[in-house]
């Protein structure tokens, strides 16, 4: 139980520490081109690429919560 709780917090901690890197790389992918300085990503592709940090954050949060919930469920502190 304690291992799962600590594991969940570690997953969240690592994900939160990687969030600025993901956001910076998404920004660079949307706005930078080596020859013209402009982006080749437009329209729907740019919108979906802009949502990447959101999906990353949701994935990290759901992984951490599920690991912690599994530990609590094994201890009998969380209902089915």
PDB file of N, CA and C in Angstrom:
ATOM      1  N   UNK A   1       0.821  -1.185   0.000  1.00  0.00           N
ATOM      2  CA  UNK A   1       0.000   0.000   0.000  1.00  0.00           C
ATOM      3  C   UNK A   1       0.865   1.247   0.000  1.00  0.00           C
ATOM      4  N   UNK A   2       1.798   1.324   0.934  1.00  0.00           N
ATOM      5  CA  UNK A   2       2.644   2.504   1.031  1.00  0.00           C
ATOM      6  C   UNK A   2       3.492   2.673  -0.222  1.00  0.00           C
ATOM      7  N   UNK A   3       3.938   1.556  -0.789  1.00  0.00           N
ATOM      8  CA  UNK A   3       4.724   1.615  -2.022  1.00  0.00           C
ATOM      9  C   UNK A   3       3.927   2.190  -3.175  1.00  0.00           C
ATOM     10  N   UNK A   4       2.649   1.813  -3.265  1.00  0.00           N
ATOM     11  CA  UNK A   4       1.805   2.355  -4.331  1.00  0.00           C
ATOM     12  C   UNK A   4       1.545   3.843  -4.131  1.00  0.00           C
ATOM     13  N   UNK A   5       1.335   4.268  -2.890  1.00  0.00           N
ATOM     14  CA  UNK A   5       1.120   5.693  -2.637  1.00  0.00           C
ATOM     15  C   UNK A   5       2.362   6.506  -2.996  1.00  0.00           C
ATOM     16  N   UNK A   6       3.526   6.018  -2.573  1.00  0.00           N
ATOM     17  CA  UNK A   6       4.766   6.716  -2.892  1.00  0.00           C
ATOM     18  C   UNK A   6       5.006   6.701  -4.400  1.00  0.00           C
ATOM     19  N   UNK A   7       4.708   5.573  -5.035  1.00  0.00           N
ATOM     20  CA  UNK A   7       4.848   5.486  -6.488  1.00  0.00           C
ATOM     21  C   UNK A   7       3.953   6.472  -7.213  1.00  0.00           C
ATOM     22  N   UNK A   8       2.731   6.628  -6.742  1.00  0.00           N
ATOM     23  CA  UNK A   8       1.821   7.606  -7.351  1.00  0.00           C
ATOM     24  C   UNK A   8       2.334   9.022  -7.216  1.00  0.00           C
ATOM     25  N   UNK A   9       2.871   9.348  -6.043  1.00  0.00           N
ATOM     26  CA  UNK A   9       3.413  10.691  -5.856  1.00  0.00           C
ATOM     27  C   UNK A   9       4.667  10.911  -6.693  1.00  0.00           C
ATOM     28  N   UNK A  10       5.472   9.880  -6.868  1.00  0.00           N
ATOM     29  CA  UNK A  10       6.667  10.012  -7.700  1.00  0.00           C
ATOM     30  C   UNK A  10       6.279  10.222  -9.159  1.00  0.00           C
ATOM     31  N   UNK A  11       5.269   9.493  -9.631  1.00  0.00           N
ATOM     32  CA  UNK A  11       4.795   9.682 -11.006  1.00  0.00           C
ATOM     33  C   UNK A  11       4.324  11.112 -11.212  1.00  0.00           C
ATOM     34  N   UNK A  12       3.553  11.632 -10.269  1.00  0.00           N
ATOM     35  CA  UNK A  12       3.066  13.010 -10.379  1.00  0.00           C
ATOM     36  C   UNK A  12       4.231  13.996 -10.313  1.00  0.00           C
ATOM     37  N   UNK A  13       5.191  13.770  -9.432  1.00  0.00           N
ATOM     38  CA  UNK A  13       6.337  14.666  -9.300  1.00  0.00           C
ATOM     39  C   UNK A  13       7.171  14.700 -10.578  1.00  0.00           C
ATOM     40  N   UNK A  14       7.443  13.539 -11.153  1.00  0.00           N
ATOM     41  CA  UNK A  14       8.223  13.495 -12.392  1.00  0.00           C
ATOM     42  C   UNK A  14       7.444  14.150 -13.535  1.00  0.00           C
ATOM     43  N   UNK A  15       6.158  13.879 -13.614  1.00  0.00           N
ATOM     44  CA  UNK A  15       5.343  14.484 -14.668  1.00  0.00           C
ATOM     45  C   UNK A  15       5.276  15.993 -14.564  1.00  0.00           C
ATOM     46  N   UNK A  16       5.134  16.498 -13.352  1.00  0.00           N
ATOM     47  CA  UNK A  16       5.075  17.951 -13.166  1.00  0.00           C
ATOM     48  C   UNK A  16       6.423  18.582 -13.493  1.00  0.00           C
ATOM     49  N   UNK A  17       7.510  17.901 -13.177  1.00  0.00           N
ATOM     50  CA  UNK A  17       8.821  18.464 -13.491  1.00  0.00           C
ATOM     51  C   UNK A  17       9.110  18.425 -14.994  1.00  0.00           C
ATOM     52  N   UNK A  18       8.497  17.503 -15.738  1.00  0.00           N
ATOM     53  CA  UNK A  18       8.679  17.445 -17.186  1.00  0.00           C
ATOM     54  C   UNK A  18       7.709  18.336 -17.955  1.00  0.00           C
ATOM     55  N   UNK A  19       6.698  18.849 -17.297  1.00  0.00           N
ATOM     56  CA  UNK A  19       5.679  19.657 -17.977  1.00  0.00           C
ATOM     57  C   UNK A  19       6.244  20.886 -18.690  1.00  0.00           C
ATOM     58  N   UNK A  20       7.148  21.668 -18.081  1.00  0.00           N
ATOM     59  CA  UNK A  20       7.701  22.818 -18.815  1.00  0.00           C
ATOM     60  C   UNK A  20       8.476  22.411 -20.067  1.00  0.00           C
ATOM     61  N   UNK A  21       9.158  21.284 -20.019  1.00  0.00           N
ATOM     62  CA  UNK A  21       9.895  20.812 -21.187  1.00  0.00           C
ATOM     63  C   UNK A  21       8.945  20.460 -22.320  1.00  0.00           C
ATOM     64  N   UNK A  22       7.870  19.773 -21.990  1.00  0.00           N
ATOM     65  CA  UNK A  22       6.874  19.419 -23.005  1.00  0.00           C
ATOM     66  C   UNK A  22       6.248  20.677 -23.599  1.00  0.00           C
ATOM     67  N   UNK A  23       5.905  21.628 -22.757  1.00  0.00           N
ATOM     68  CA  UNK A  23       5.283  22.866 -23.243  1.00  0.00           C
ATOM     69  C   UNK A  23       6.254  23.657 -24.123  1.00  0.00           C
ATOM     70  N   UNK A  24       7.520  23.713 -23.747  1.00  0.00           N
ATOM     71  CA  UNK A  24       8.511  24.426 -24.562  1.00  0.00           C
ATOM     72  C   UNK A  24       8.703  23.765 -25.924  1.00  0.00           C
ATOM     73  N   UNK A  25       8.745  22.446 -25.948  1.00  0.00           N
ATOM     74  CA  UNK A  25       8.932  21.743 -27.213  1.00  0.00           C
ATOM     75  C   UNK A  25       7.705  21.878 -28.123  1.00  0.00           C
ATOM     76  N   UNK A  26       6.526  21.875 -27.545  1.00  0.00           N
ATOM     77  CA  UNK A  26       5.314  22.081 -28.343  1.00  0.00           C
ATOM     78  C   UNK A  26       5.306  23.487 -28.916  1.00  0.00           C
ATOM     79  N   UNK A  27       5.692  24.467 -28.107  1.00  0.00           N
ATOM     80  CA  UNK A  27       5.764  25.845 -28.602  1.00  0.00           C
ATOM     81  C   UNK A  27       6.779  25.956 -29.740  1.00  0.00           C
ATOM     82  N   UNK A  28       7.932  25.317 -29.573  1.00  0.00           N
ATOM     83  CA  UNK A  28       8.949  25.362 -30.619  1.00  0.00           C
ATOM     84  C   UNK A  28       8.458  24.685 -31.896  1.00  0.00           C
ATOM     85  N   UNK A  29       7.737  23.589 -31.754  1.00  0.00           N
ATOM     86  CA  UNK A  29       7.223  22.887 -32.934  1.00  0.00           C
ATOM     87  C   UNK A  29       6.163  23.714 -33.658  1.00  0.00           C
ATOM     88  N   UNK A  30       5.413  24.490 -32.915  1.00  0.00           N
ATOM     89  CA  UNK A  30       4.353  25.287 -33.543  1.00  0.00           C
ATOM     90  C   UNK A  30       4.864  26.571 -34.156  1.00  0.00           C
ATOM     91  N   UNK A  31       5.974  27.109 -33.690  1.00  0.00           N
ATOM     92  CA  UNK A  31       6.341  28.465 -34.099  1.00  0.00           C
ATOM     93  C   UNK A  31       7.685  28.600 -34.789  1.00  0.00           C
ATOM     94  N   UNK A  32       8.471  27.554 -34.946  1.00  0.00           N
ATOM     95  CA  UNK A  32       9.819  27.746 -35.443  1.00  0.00           C
ATOM     96  C   UNK A  32      10.090  26.929 -36.693  1.00  0.00           C
ATOM     97  N   UNK A  33      10.737  27.572 -37.644  1.00  0.00           N
ATOM     98  CA  UNK A  33      11.224  26.920 -38.842  1.00  0.00           C
ATOM     99  C   UNK A  33      12.629  27.451 -39.086  1.00  0.00           C
ATOM    100  N   UNK A  34      13.576  26.596 -39.388  1.00  0.00           N
ATOM    101  CA  UNK A  34      14.977  27.013 -39.477  1.00  0.00           C
ATOM    102  C   UNK A  34      15.246  27.966 -40.635  1.00  0.00           C
ATOM    103  N   UNK A  35      14.487  27.891 -41.705  1.00  0.00           N
ATOM    104  CA  UNK A  35      14.783  28.738 -42.863  1.00  0.00           C
ATOM    105  C   UNK A  35      14.042  30.064 -42.833  1.00  0.00           C
ATOM    106  N   UNK A  36      12.780  30.054 -42.487  1.00  0.00           N
ATOM    107  CA  UNK A  36      11.993  31.288 -42.553  1.00  0.00           C
ATOM    108  C   UNK A  36      11.675  31.870 -41.194  1.00  0.00           C
ATOM    109  N   UNK A  37      11.831  31.106 -40.149  1.00  0.00           N
ATOM    110  CA  UNK A  37      11.467  31.579 -38.823  1.00  0.00           C
ATOM    111  C   UNK A  37       9.987  31.446 -38.531  1.00  0.00           C
ATOM    112  N   UNK A  38       9.217  30.998 -39.522  1.00  0.00           N
ATOM    113  CA  UNK A  38       7.774  30.802 -39.338  1.00  0.00           C
ATOM    114  C   UNK A  38       7.485  29.307 -39.216  1.00  0.00           C
ATOM    115  N   UNK A  39       6.262  28.993 -38.919  1.00  0.00           N
ATOM    116  CA  UNK A  39       5.873  27.605 -38.718  1.00  0.00           C
ATOM    117  C   UNK A  39       5.236  27.029 -39.973  1.00  0.00           C
ATOM    118  N   UNK A  40       5.423  25.737 -40.166  1.00  0.00           N
ATOM    119  CA  UNK A  40       4.743  25.036 -41.243  1.00  0.00           C
ATOM    120  C   UNK A  40       3.498  24.327 -40.755  1.00  0.00           C
ATOM    121  N   UNK A  41       3.167  24.493 -39.480  1.00  0.00           N
ATOM    122  CA  UNK A  41       2.006  23.831 -38.891  1.00  0.00           C
ATOM    123  C   UNK A  41       0.878  24.863 -38.812  1.00  0.00           C
ATOM    124  N   UNK A  42      -0.232  24.568 -39.467  1.00  0.00           N
ATOM    125  CA  UNK A  42      -1.358  25.501 -39.495  1.00  0.00           C
ATOM    126  C   UNK A  42      -2.662  24.748 -39.290  1.00  0.00           C
ATOM    127  N   UNK A  43      -3.713  25.477 -38.973  1.00  0.00           N
ATOM    128  CA  UNK A  43      -5.057  24.931 -38.910  1.00  0.00           C
ATOM    129  C   UNK A  43      -5.268  23.924 -37.799  1.00  0.00           C
ATOM    130  N   UNK A  44      -5.915  22.834 -38.167  1.00  0.00           N
ATOM    131  CA  UNK A  44      -6.282  21.812 -37.181  1.00  0.00           C
ATOM    132  C   UNK A  44      -5.054  21.140 -36.584  1.00  0.00           C
ATOM    133  N   UNK A  45      -4.007  20.972 -37.379  1.00  0.00           N
ATOM    134  CA  UNK A  45      -2.783  20.348 -36.865  1.00  0.00           C
ATOM    135  C   UNK A  45      -2.167  21.201 -35.765  1.00  0.00           C
ATOM    136  N   UNK A  46      -2.198  22.501 -35.939  1.00  0.00           N
ATOM    137  CA  UNK A  46      -1.665  23.393 -34.916  1.00  0.00           C
ATOM    138  C   UNK A  46      -2.506  23.346 -33.649  1.00  0.00           C
ATOM    139  N   UNK A  47      -3.803  23.245 -33.804  1.00  0.00           N
ATOM    140  CA  UNK A  47      -4.696  23.154 -32.647  1.00  0.00           C
ATOM    141  C   UNK A  47      -4.455  21.867 -31.864  1.00  0.00           C
ATOM    142  N   UNK A  48      -4.351  20.765 -32.577  1.00  0.00           N
ATOM    143  CA  UNK A  48      -4.116  19.477 -31.913  1.00  0.00           C
ATOM    144  C   UNK A  48      -2.746  19.455 -31.259  1.00  0.00           C
ATOM    145  N   UNK A  49      -1.747  20.002 -31.928  1.00  0.00           N
ATOM    146  CA  UNK A  49      -0.409  20.079 -31.347  1.00  0.00           C
ATOM    147  C   UNK A  49      -0.418  20.947 -30.095  1.00  0.00           C
ATOM    148  N   UNK A  50      -1.216  21.995 -30.090  1.00  0.00           N
ATOM    149  CA  UNK A  50      -1.329  22.854 -28.916  1.00  0.00           C
ATOM    150  C   UNK A  50      -1.990  22.167 -27.734  1.00  0.00           C
ATOM    151  N   UNK A  51      -2.778  21.136 -27.981  1.00  0.00           N
ATOM    152  CA  UNK A  51      -3.432  20.394 -26.905  1.00  0.00           C
ATOM    153  C   UNK A  51      -2.548  19.307 -26.296  1.00  0.00           C
ATOM    154  N   UNK A  52      -1.378  19.091 -26.863  1.00  0.00           N
ATOM    155  CA  UNK A  52      -0.478  18.048 -26.377  1.00  0.00           C
ATOM    156  C   UNK A  52      -0.115  18.214 -24.901  1.00  0.00           C
ATOM    157  N   UNK A  53       0.241  19.423 -24.413  1.00  0.00           N
ATOM    158  CA  UNK A  53       0.534  19.549 -22.977  1.00  0.00           C
ATOM    159  C   UNK A  53      -0.665  19.207 -22.088  1.00  0.00           C
ATOM    160  N   UNK A  54      -1.862  19.528 -22.541  1.00  0.00           N
ATOM    161  CA  UNK A  54      -3.058  19.178 -21.772  1.00  0.00           C
ATOM    162  C   UNK A  54      -3.195  17.666 -21.649  1.00  0.00           C
ATOM    163  N   UNK A  55      -3.036  16.951 -22.768  1.00  0.00           N
ATOM    164  CA  UNK A  55      -3.148  15.498 -22.729  1.00  0.00           C
ATOM    165  C   UNK A  55      -2.024  14.879 -21.909  1.00  0.00           C
ATOM    166  N   UNK A  56      -0.836  15.459 -21.964  1.00  0.00           N
ATOM    167  CA  UNK A  56       0.272  14.977 -21.142  1.00  0.00           C
ATOM    168  C   UNK A  56      -0.065  15.135 -19.662  1.00  0.00           C
ATOM    169  N   UNK A  57      -0.582  16.300 -19.292  1.00  0.00           N
ATOM    170  CA  UNK A  57      -0.941  16.541 -17.892  1.00  0.00           C
ATOM    171  C   UNK A  57      -2.063  15.614 -17.438  1.00  0.00           C
ATOM    172  N   UNK A  58      -3.060  15.406 -18.276  1.00  0.00           N
ATOM    173  CA  UNK A  58      -4.144  14.483 -17.927  1.00  0.00           C
ATOM    174  C   UNK A  58      -3.646  13.055 -17.773  1.00  0.00           C
ATOM    175  N   UNK A  59      -2.729  12.640 -18.619  1.00  0.00           N
ATOM    176  CA  UNK A  59      -2.167  11.298 -18.523  1.00  0.00           C
ATOM    177  C   UNK A  59      -1.368  11.105 -17.248  1.00  0.00           C
ATOM    178  N   UNK A  60      -0.560  12.089 -16.899  1.00  0.00           N
ATOM    179  CA  UNK A  60       0.226  12.016 -15.669  1.00  0.00           C
ATOM    180  C   UNK A  60      -0.697  11.988 -14.450  1.00  0.00           C
ATOM    181  N   UNK A  61      -1.706  12.855 -14.449  1.00  0.00           N
ATOM    182  CA  UNK A  61      -2.627  12.897 -13.307  1.00  0.00           C
ATOM    183  C   UNK A  61      -3.393  11.585 -13.170  1.00  0.00           C
ATOM    184  N   UNK A  62      -3.883  11.054 -14.277  1.00  0.00           N
ATOM    185  CA  UNK A  62      -4.651   9.804 -14.190  1.00  0.00           C
ATOM    186  C   UNK A  62      -3.764   8.635 -13.787  1.00  0.00           C
ATOM    187  N   UNK A  63      -2.519   8.604 -14.241  1.00  0.00           N
ATOM    188  CA  UNK A  63      -1.607   7.519 -13.831  1.00  0.00           C
ATOM    189  C   UNK A  63      -1.307   7.599 -12.337  1.00  0.00           C
ATOM    190  N   UNK A  64      -1.010   8.790 -11.850  1.00  0.00           N
ATOM    191  CA  UNK A  64      -0.730   8.942 -10.422  1.00  0.00           C
ATOM    192  C   UNK A  64      -1.923   8.606  -9.555  1.00  0.00           C
ATOM    193  N   UNK A  65      -3.101   9.049  -9.964  1.00  0.00           N
ATOM    194  CA  UNK A  65      -4.312   8.784  -9.190  1.00  0.00           C
ATOM    195  C   UNK A  65      -4.645   7.297  -9.200  1.00  0.00           C
ATOM    196  N   UNK A  66      -4.483   6.644 -10.352  1.00  0.00           N
ATOM    197  CA  UNK A  66      -4.809   5.219 -10.398  1.00  0.00           C
ATOM    198  C   UNK A  66      -3.837   4.384  -9.578  1.00  0.00           C
ATOM    199  N   UNK A  67      -2.560   4.744  -9.572  1.00  0.00           N
ATOM    200  CA  UNK A  67      -1.589   4.008  -8.754  1.00  0.00           C
ATOM    201  C   UNK A  67      -1.903   4.190  -7.269  1.00  0.00           C
ATOM    202  N   UNK A  68      -2.195   5.424  -6.871  1.00  0.00           N
ATOM    203  CA  UNK A  68      -2.535   5.681  -5.468  1.00  0.00           C
ATOM    204  C   UNK A  68      -3.856   5.001  -5.087  1.00  0.00           C
ATOM    205  N   UNK A  69      -4.830   5.010  -5.977  1.00  0.00           N
ATOM    206  CA  UNK A  69      -6.113   4.368  -5.680  1.00  0.00           C
ATOM    207  C   UNK A  69      -5.959   2.858  -5.559  1.00  0.00           C
ATOM    208  N   UNK A  70      -5.088   2.271  -6.346  1.00  0.00           N
ATOM    209  CA  UNK A  70      -4.831   0.835  -6.243  1.00  0.00           C
ATOM    210  C   UNK A  70      -4.246   0.506  -4.870  1.00  0.00           C
ATOM    211  N   UNK A  71      -3.319   1.327  -4.399  1.00  0.00           N
ATOM    212  CA  UNK A  71      -2.749   1.101  -3.075  1.00  0.00           C
ATOM    213  C   UNK A  71      -3.774   1.241  -1.967  1.00  0.00           C
ATOM    214  N   UNK A  72      -4.641   2.241  -2.067  1.00  0.00           N
ATOM    215  CA  UNK A  72      -5.685   2.413  -1.068  1.00  0.00           C
ATOM    216  C   UNK A  72      -6.709   1.287  -1.115  1.00  0.00           C
ATOM    217  N   UNK A  73      -7.005   0.807  -2.321  1.00  0.00           N
ATOM    218  CA  UNK A  73      -7.964  -0.294  -2.464  1.00  0.00           C
ATOM    219  C   UNK A  73      -7.392  -1.572  -1.857  1.00  0.00           C
ATOM    220  N   UNK A  74      -6.097  -1.824  -2.034  1.00  0.00           N
ATOM    221  CA  UNK A  74      -5.477  -3.013  -1.454  1.00  0.00           C
ATOM    222  C   UNK A  74      -5.464  -2.952   0.066  1.00  0.00           C
ATOM    223  N   UNK A  75      -5.409  -1.732   0.607  1.00  0.00           N
ATOM    224  CA  UNK A  75      -5.428  -1.580   2.053  1.00  0.00           C
ATOM    225  C   UNK A  75      -6.839  -1.601   2.618  1.00  0.00           C
ATOM    226  N   UNK A  76      -7.840  -1.558   1.765  1.00  0.00           N
ATOM    227  CA  UNK A  76      -9.215  -1.572   2.219  1.00  0.00           C
ATOM    228  C   UNK A  76      -9.748  -0.212   2.604  1.00  0.00           C
ATOM    229  N   UNK A  77      -9.035   0.848   2.239  1.00  0.00           N
ATOM    230  CA  UNK A  77      -9.474   2.200   2.589  1.00  0.00           C
ATOM    231  C   UNK A  77     -10.325   2.850   1.501  1.00  0.00           C
ATOM    232  N   UNK A  78     -10.376   2.233   0.340  1.00  0.00           N
ATOM    233  CA  UNK A  78     -11.148   2.778  -0.767  1.00  0.00           C
ATOM    234  C   UNK A  78     -12.111   1.714  -1.238  1.00  0.00           C
ATOM    235  N   UNK A  79     -13.376   2.093  -1.394  1.00  0.00           N
ATOM    236  CA  UNK A  79     -14.394   1.129  -1.808  1.00  0.00           C
ATOM    237  C   UNK A  79     -14.228   0.711  -3.251  1.00  0.00           C
ATOM    238  N   UNK A  80     -14.956  -0.306  -3.622  1.00  0.00           N
ATOM    239  CA  UNK A  80     -14.877  -0.844  -4.986  1.00  0.00           C
ATOM    240  C   UNK A  80     -15.601   0.071  -5.859  1.00  0.00           C
TER     241      UNK A  80
END
